[in-house]
Amino acid sequence: MAASASETAQEAAARSRVAVGLTLAMVGAVAFSGKAIIVKLAYRHGVDPVTLIMLRMLFALPIFLIMAWWASRGKPPLSGKDWLGVVGLGFTGYYLSSFLDFAGLQYISASLERLILYLNPTLVLLLSLLFYRQRISWRQMAGMAISYAGVVLVFGHEITAQGSDAAWGAFLVFLSATTYALYLVYSGELVRRLGSIRLVGLASTVACLCCILQFVLLRPLTLENVAPEVMWLSLLNATVCTVAPVLMVMMAIERIGASMTAQTGMVGPLSTILMGVLILGEPFTVWVAAGTVLVLAGIYVFTRSPRLAT
């Protein structure tokens, strides 16, 4: 009886752990996807990307500093090589990727932006093929083909309606996804050496400083003209859509693993489309629906590959 009760308690604890992990992964994915909605709302108040991303990073900087300090307690100091890696990854994976994304959102819908960013796993694999000669399976190739077909479908509809602006915006967001994929490809060794929270805290701090410096150099006297609504939206973006989802996704990975967390993250594009329709008034067309189905189906096929299962 005692053994049976113990097994029942362990099973209940395991189910609770999975339930909490799934909830964290889902809420984190929705919070991440809300960034595009907030950025589009802020643009309605006449703010430019340089100022907007500076405000987001300015509000997030204290939290990232606390994360870096907390994760560094009792750990050896970083070597010169480690600092070079942190600065390089912070510049590429957080500063440059974020700025390109913010700039692209001026020209395309939040729905298309999220679909392009959701191609990130395929870009990581393509870069691994280019730099490390990693082989690609037929299942992965099929998944990539399906996903890219979905993005092309939605992109074709937007460029027909908006012209060259949509092409430029989609290109900027695709560059954003590519630079973040570079970060993921090269961050593996540093993550193992420093730990994920310490690396995120330090690299994000570097990105925050880059965004603030960019603003000081390019827009030194424009902050007084920023609408109060932009300030509040930036604070929301920095906390709810930047720091909080990073922590929630990390906690989800600890409970249910990276694969299940990635699968749960498929709610991200869907939530972006729903919020885009309800909050921004973006049209929900058959092209958006079909493209979203293709992207999600392609990523599902892609991530089911045995190479990505671990």
Protein backbone atom coordinates (compact mmCIF):
# COMPACT_ATOMS: atom_id res chain seq x y z
CA MET A 1 0.00 0.00 0.00
CA ALA A 2 2.78 2.39 0.94
CA ALA A 3 4.61 1.69 -2.32
CA SER A 4 1.42 2.18 -4.33
CA ALA A 5 0.72 5.48 -2.59
CA SER A 6 4.28 6.60 -3.24
CA GLU A 7 3.96 5.76 -6.96
CA THR A 8 0.66 7.63 -7.14
CA ALA A 9 2.25 10.69 -5.53
CA GLN A 10 5.17 10.54 -7.98
CA GLU A 11 2.81 10.25 -10.93
CA ALA A 12 0.79 13.21 -9.67
CA ALA A 13 3.97 15.24 -9.22
CA ALA A 14 5.10 14.32 -12.75
CA ARG A 15 1.73 15.32 -14.23
CA SER A 16 1.84 18.59 -12.30
CA ARG A 17 5.36 19.27 -13.57
CA VAL A 18 4.28 18.70 -17.17
CA ALA A 19 1.15 20.82 -16.75
CA VAL A 20 3.17 23.70 -15.30
CA GLY A 21 5.78 23.35 -18.04
CA LEU A 22 3.16 23.41 -20.80
CA THR A 23 1.47 26.43 -19.24
CA LEU A 24 4.77 28.31 -18.98
CA ALA A 25 5.68 27.45 -22.58
CA MET A 26 2.29 28.55 -23.90
CA VAL A 27 2.13 31.80 -21.92
CA GLY A 28 5.75 32.55 -22.86
CA ALA A 29 5.02 32.03 -26.56
CA VAL A 30 1.96 34.30 -26.42
CA ALA A 31 3.91 36.96 -24.52
CA PHE A 32 6.73 36.85 -27.07
CA SER A 33 4.25 37.21 -29.92
CA GLY A 34 2.69 40.26 -28.25
CA LYS A 35 5.85 42.27 -28.97
CA ALA A 36 4.84 42.83 -32.58
CA ILE A 37 1.40 44.07 -31.52
CA ILE A 38 2.88 46.58 -29.07
CA VAL A 39 5.38 47.82 -31.64
CA LYS A 40 2.63 48.35 -34.23
CA LEU A 41 0.55 50.25 -31.65
CA ALA A 42 3.52 52.47 -30.77
CA TYR A 43 4.12 53.35 -34.42
CA ARG A 44 0.65 54.90 -34.50
CA HIS A 45 2.01 57.63 -32.21
CA GLY A 46 4.71 58.72 -34.67
CA VAL A 47 7.74 57.16 -32.98
CA ASP A 48 10.70 55.85 -35.03
CA PRO A 49 12.45 52.46 -34.62
CA VAL A 50 15.64 53.92 -33.10
CA THR A 51 13.72 55.61 -30.29
CA LEU A 52 11.28 52.75 -29.78
CA ILE A 53 13.89 50.02 -29.39
CA MET A 54 15.96 52.27 -27.10
CA LEU A 55 12.99 52.71 -24.76
CA ARG A 56 12.32 48.97 -24.71
CA MET A 57 15.94 48.18 -23.87
CA LEU A 58 16.25 51.04 -21.38
CA PHE A 59 13.36 49.65 -19.33
CA ALA A 60 14.65 46.08 -19.64
CA LEU A 61 18.29 46.90 -18.77
CA PRO A 62 17.93 46.83 -14.93
CA ILE A 63 16.26 43.42 -15.07
CA PHE A 64 18.94 41.96 -17.36
CA LEU A 65 21.65 43.34 -15.06
CA ILE A 66 20.00 41.62 -12.10
CA MET A 67 19.77 38.36 -14.09
CA ALA A 68 23.47 38.55 -14.98
CA TRP A 69 24.47 39.32 -11.38
CA TRP A 70 22.28 36.59 -9.91
CA ALA A 71 23.55 33.92 -12.31
CA SER A 72 27.19 34.99 -11.81
CA ARG A 73 27.22 34.57 -8.02
CA GLY A 74 29.93 32.14 -6.97
CA LYS A 75 31.03 31.60 -10.59
CA PRO A 76 34.53 32.31 -11.92
CA PRO A 77 34.96 35.62 -13.79
CA LEU A 78 34.71 35.65 -17.57
CA SER A 79 37.88 35.31 -19.61
CA GLY A 80 38.75 37.69 -22.42
CA LYS A 81 37.52 35.10 -24.93
CA ASP A 82 34.24 34.77 -23.05
CA TRP A 83 33.72 38.55 -23.10
CA LEU A 84 34.36 38.65 -26.85
CA GLY A 85 31.75 35.95 -27.30
CA VAL A 86 29.22 37.72 -25.08
CA VAL A 87 29.70 41.04 -26.88
CA GLY A 88 29.49 39.42 -30.31
CA LEU A 89 26.38 37.42 -29.47
CA GLY A 90 24.74 40.38 -27.73
CA PHE A 91 25.35 42.62 -30.73
CA THR A 92 24.18 40.07 -33.31
CA GLY A 93 21.52 38.04 -31.58
CA TYR A 94 19.77 40.71 -29.52
CA TYR A 95 20.65 44.22 -30.71
CA LEU A 96 20.87 43.76 -34.49
CA SER A 97 18.12 41.16 -34.65
CA SER A 98 15.75 43.30 -32.57
CA PHE A 99 16.45 46.49 -34.49
CA LEU A 100 15.89 44.82 -37.88
CA ASP A 101 12.64 43.36 -36.58
CA PHE A 102 11.40 46.73 -35.28
CA ALA A 103 12.34 48.40 -38.57
CA GLY A 104 10.58 45.74 -40.65
CA LEU A 105 7.36 46.04 -38.65
CA GLN A 106 6.90 49.54 -40.06
CA TYR A 107 6.05 47.99 -43.43
CA ILE A 108 4.39 44.59 -42.91
CA SER A 109 1.62 43.14 -40.77
CA ALA A 110 2.28 41.57 -37.40
CA SER A 111 1.01 38.27 -38.79
CA LEU A 112 3.57 38.11 -41.59
CA GLU A 113 6.35 39.19 -39.21
CA ARG A 114 5.59 36.34 -36.82
CA LEU A 115 5.44 33.78 -39.64
CA ILE A 116 8.84 34.88 -40.94
CA LEU A 117 10.40 34.74 -37.46
CA TYR A 118 8.91 31.29 -36.97
CA LEU A 119 11.21 30.03 -39.75
CA ASN A 120 14.10 30.37 -37.29
CA PRO A 121 14.67 26.60 -36.74
CA THR A 122 15.11 26.10 -40.47
CA LEU A 123 17.60 28.97 -40.66
CA VAL A 124 19.60 27.45 -37.79
CA LEU A 125 19.83 24.19 -39.71
CA LEU A 126 20.83 25.91 -42.96
CA LEU A 127 23.57 27.87 -41.17
CA SER A 128 24.76 24.64 -39.49
CA LEU A 129 24.93 23.08 -42.94
CA LEU A 130 26.95 26.04 -44.23
CA PHE A 131 29.39 26.32 -41.33
CA TYR A 132 29.57 22.78 -39.93
CA ARG A 133 28.51 20.64 -42.93
CA GLN A 134 25.62 19.21 -40.91
CA ARG A 135 23.50 16.90 -43.03
CA ILE A 136 19.83 17.63 -43.71
CA SER A 137 17.30 14.80 -43.78
CA TRP A 138 14.53 14.47 -46.33
CA ARG A 139 11.97 15.10 -43.58
CA GLN A 140 13.69 18.36 -42.69
CA MET A 141 13.83 19.42 -46.33
CA ALA A 142 10.13 18.68 -46.74
CA GLY A 143 9.28 20.64 -43.59
CA MET A 144 11.31 23.64 -44.78
CA ALA A 145 9.66 23.56 -48.21
CA ILE A 146 6.16 23.53 -46.67
CA SER A 147 6.97 26.35 -44.23
CA TYR A 148 8.57 28.63 -46.80
CA ALA A 149 5.64 28.04 -49.15
CA GLY A 150 3.35 29.35 -46.41
CA VAL A 151 5.41 32.50 -45.90
CA VAL A 152 5.59 33.11 -49.65
CA LEU A 153 1.81 32.76 -49.86
CA VAL A 154 1.17 35.43 -47.19
CA PHE A 155 3.99 37.61 -48.53
CA GLY A 156 2.58 37.45 -52.06
CA HIS A 157 -0.78 38.65 -50.80
CA GLU A 158 0.76 41.57 -48.84
CA ILE A 159 3.05 42.72 -51.64
CA THR A 160 0.06 42.78 -53.99
CA ALA A 161 -1.76 45.07 -51.55
CA GLN A 162 1.15 47.22 -50.33
CA GLY A 163 3.79 47.08 -53.05
CA SER A 164 7.52 47.44 -52.51
CA ASP A 165 7.15 48.53 -48.86
CA ALA A 166 6.02 45.01 -47.97
CA ALA A 167 9.02 43.52 -49.78
CA TRP A 168 11.43 45.76 -47.86
CA GLY A 169 9.75 45.03 -44.53
CA ALA A 170 9.76 41.28 -45.13
CA PHE A 171 13.45 41.44 -46.10
CA LEU A 172 14.33 43.28 -42.87
CA VAL A 173 12.42 40.78 -40.72
CA PHE A 174 14.04 37.87 -42.56
CA LEU A 175 17.45 39.41 -41.80
CA SER A 176 16.32 39.66 -38.18
CA ALA A 177 15.53 35.95 -38.12
CA THR A 178 18.87 35.18 -39.77
CA THR A 179 20.94 37.19 -37.28
CA TYR A 180 19.14 35.51 -34.39
CA ALA A 181 19.80 32.12 -35.98
CA LEU A 182 23.49 33.06 -36.06
CA TYR A 183 23.26 33.75 -32.34
CA LEU A 184 21.74 30.32 -31.71
CA VAL A 185 24.34 28.55 -33.85
CA TYR A 186 27.29 30.15 -32.10
CA SER A 187 25.89 30.33 -28.56
CA GLY A 188 26.06 26.61 -27.78
CA GLU A 189 29.60 26.56 -26.38
CA LEU A 190 29.07 29.71 -24.29
CA VAL A 191 25.77 28.38 -22.92
CA ARG A 192 27.54 25.23 -21.72
CA ARG A 193 30.36 27.25 -20.16
CA LEU A 194 28.41 30.17 -18.65
CA GLY A 195 24.88 28.86 -18.27
CA SER A 196 21.79 30.06 -20.14
CA ILE A 197 20.57 32.69 -17.64
CA ARG A 198 24.03 34.22 -17.20
CA LEU A 199 24.58 34.38 -20.95
CA VAL A 200 21.13 35.85 -21.63
CA GLY A 201 21.62 38.46 -18.90
CA LEU A 202 25.07 39.51 -20.10
CA ALA A 203 24.34 39.40 -23.85
CA SER A 204 21.06 41.26 -23.39
CA THR A 205 22.86 43.91 -21.33
CA VAL A 206 25.28 44.39 -24.24
CA ALA A 207 22.31 44.76 -26.59
CA CYS A 208 20.65 47.30 -24.29
CA LEU A 209 23.81 49.41 -24.22
CA CYS A 210 24.08 49.23 -28.03
CA CYS A 211 20.49 50.45 -28.42
CA ILE A 212 21.03 53.31 -25.97
CA LEU A 213 24.28 54.33 -27.68
CA GLN A 214 22.58 54.22 -31.09
CA PHE A 215 19.87 56.56 -29.81
CA VAL A 216 22.41 58.97 -28.27
CA LEU A 217 24.28 59.16 -31.59
CA LEU A 218 21.27 59.39 -33.91
CA ARG A 219 18.38 60.88 -31.90
CA PRO A 220 19.95 62.81 -28.99
CA LEU A 221 17.27 65.51 -28.66
CA THR A 222 14.05 63.73 -29.64
CA LEU A 223 12.96 61.98 -26.43
CA GLU A 224 10.91 64.96 -25.20
CA ASN A 225 8.70 64.61 -28.28
CA VAL A 226 7.75 61.00 -27.51
CA ALA A 227 4.09 60.50 -26.63
CA PRO A 228 3.32 59.19 -23.11
CA GLU A 229 1.53 56.23 -24.69
CA VAL A 230 4.81 55.13 -26.28
CA MET A 231 6.51 55.18 -22.88
CA TRP A 232 3.87 52.92 -21.35
CA LEU A 233 3.87 50.60 -24.35
CA SER A 234 7.68 50.34 -24.18
CA LEU A 235 7.53 49.50 -20.48
CA LEU A 236 4.99 46.78 -21.25
CA ASN A 237 7.14 45.52 -24.10
CA ALA A 238 10.25 45.38 -21.93
CA THR A 239 8.63 43.47 -19.08
CA VAL A 240 5.72 41.39 -20.34
CA CYS A 241 7.00 40.71 -23.88
CA THR A 242 10.78 40.59 -23.34
CA VAL A 243 12.01 39.60 -19.89
CA ALA A 244 9.03 37.55 -18.67
CA PRO A 245 8.82 35.19 -21.69
CA VAL A 246 12.58 34.57 -21.62
CA LEU A 247 12.29 33.34 -18.04
CA MET A 248 9.08 31.39 -18.69
CA VAL A 249 10.54 29.54 -21.68
CA MET A 250 13.69 28.66 -19.70
CA MET A 251 11.55 27.32 -16.84
CA ALA A 252 9.42 25.37 -19.33
CA ILE A 253 12.50 23.75 -20.88
CA GLU A 254 13.61 22.64 -17.41
CA ARG A 255 10.26 20.90 -16.86
CA ILE A 256 9.27 19.44 -20.24
CA GLY A 257 12.40 19.69 -22.43
CA ALA A 258 13.29 21.78 -25.45
CA SER A 259 11.36 19.68 -27.99
CA MET A 260 7.97 19.88 -26.24
CA THR A 261 8.56 23.55 -25.45
CA ALA A 262 9.18 24.23 -29.16
CA GLN A 263 6.05 22.32 -30.14
CA THR A 264 3.95 24.30 -27.64
CA GLY A 265 5.45 27.51 -29.05
CA MET A 266 3.38 26.93 -32.17
CA VAL A 267 0.63 28.94 -30.47
CA GLY A 268 2.82 32.03 -31.04
CA PRO A 269 1.88 32.74 -34.68
CA LEU A 270 -1.75 31.94 -33.98
CA SER A 271 -1.89 34.34 -31.04
CA THR A 272 -0.20 37.06 -33.09
CA ILE A 273 -2.78 36.73 -35.84
CA LEU A 274 -5.64 36.76 -33.32
CA MET A 275 -4.28 39.83 -31.51
CA GLY A 276 -3.56 41.51 -34.85
CA VAL A 277 -7.20 41.09 -35.85
CA LEU A 278 -8.71 42.06 -32.49
CA ILE A 279 -6.31 44.84 -31.42
CA LEU A 280 -4.82 46.23 -34.62
CA GLY A 281 -7.75 45.61 -36.93
CA GLU A 282 -5.59 43.66 -39.40
CA PRO A 283 -7.65 41.69 -41.94
CA PHE A 284 -7.87 37.93 -41.51
CA THR A 285 -7.93 36.61 -45.05
CA VAL A 286 -7.92 33.14 -46.54
CA TRP A 287 -4.32 33.80 -47.61
CA VAL A 288 -3.21 34.45 -44.04
CA ALA A 289 -5.09 31.37 -42.82
CA ALA A 290 -3.62 29.12 -45.51
CA GLY A 291 -0.11 30.49 -45.05
CA THR A 292 -0.27 30.01 -41.28
CA VAL A 293 -1.42 26.41 -41.65
CA LEU A 294 1.45 25.70 -44.04
CA VAL A 295 4.07 27.31 -41.80
CA LEU A 296 2.88 25.46 -38.70
CA ALA A 297 2.60 22.17 -40.58
CA GLY A 298 6.07 22.60 -42.04
CA ILE A 299 7.67 23.40 -38.68
CA TYR A 300 5.87 20.41 -37.15
CA VAL A 301 7.27 18.09 -39.82
CA PHE A 302 10.69 19.72 -39.49
CA THR A 303 10.88 19.37 -35.70
CA ARG A 304 9.67 15.75 -35.80
CA SER A 305 12.96 14.78 -37.45
CA PRO A 306 14.99 12.38 -35.30
CA ARG A 307 17.94 14.79 -35.55
CA LEU A 308 15.99 17.42 -33.67
CA ALA A 309 14.25 15.17 -31.19
CA THR A 310 16.92 15.35 -28.49
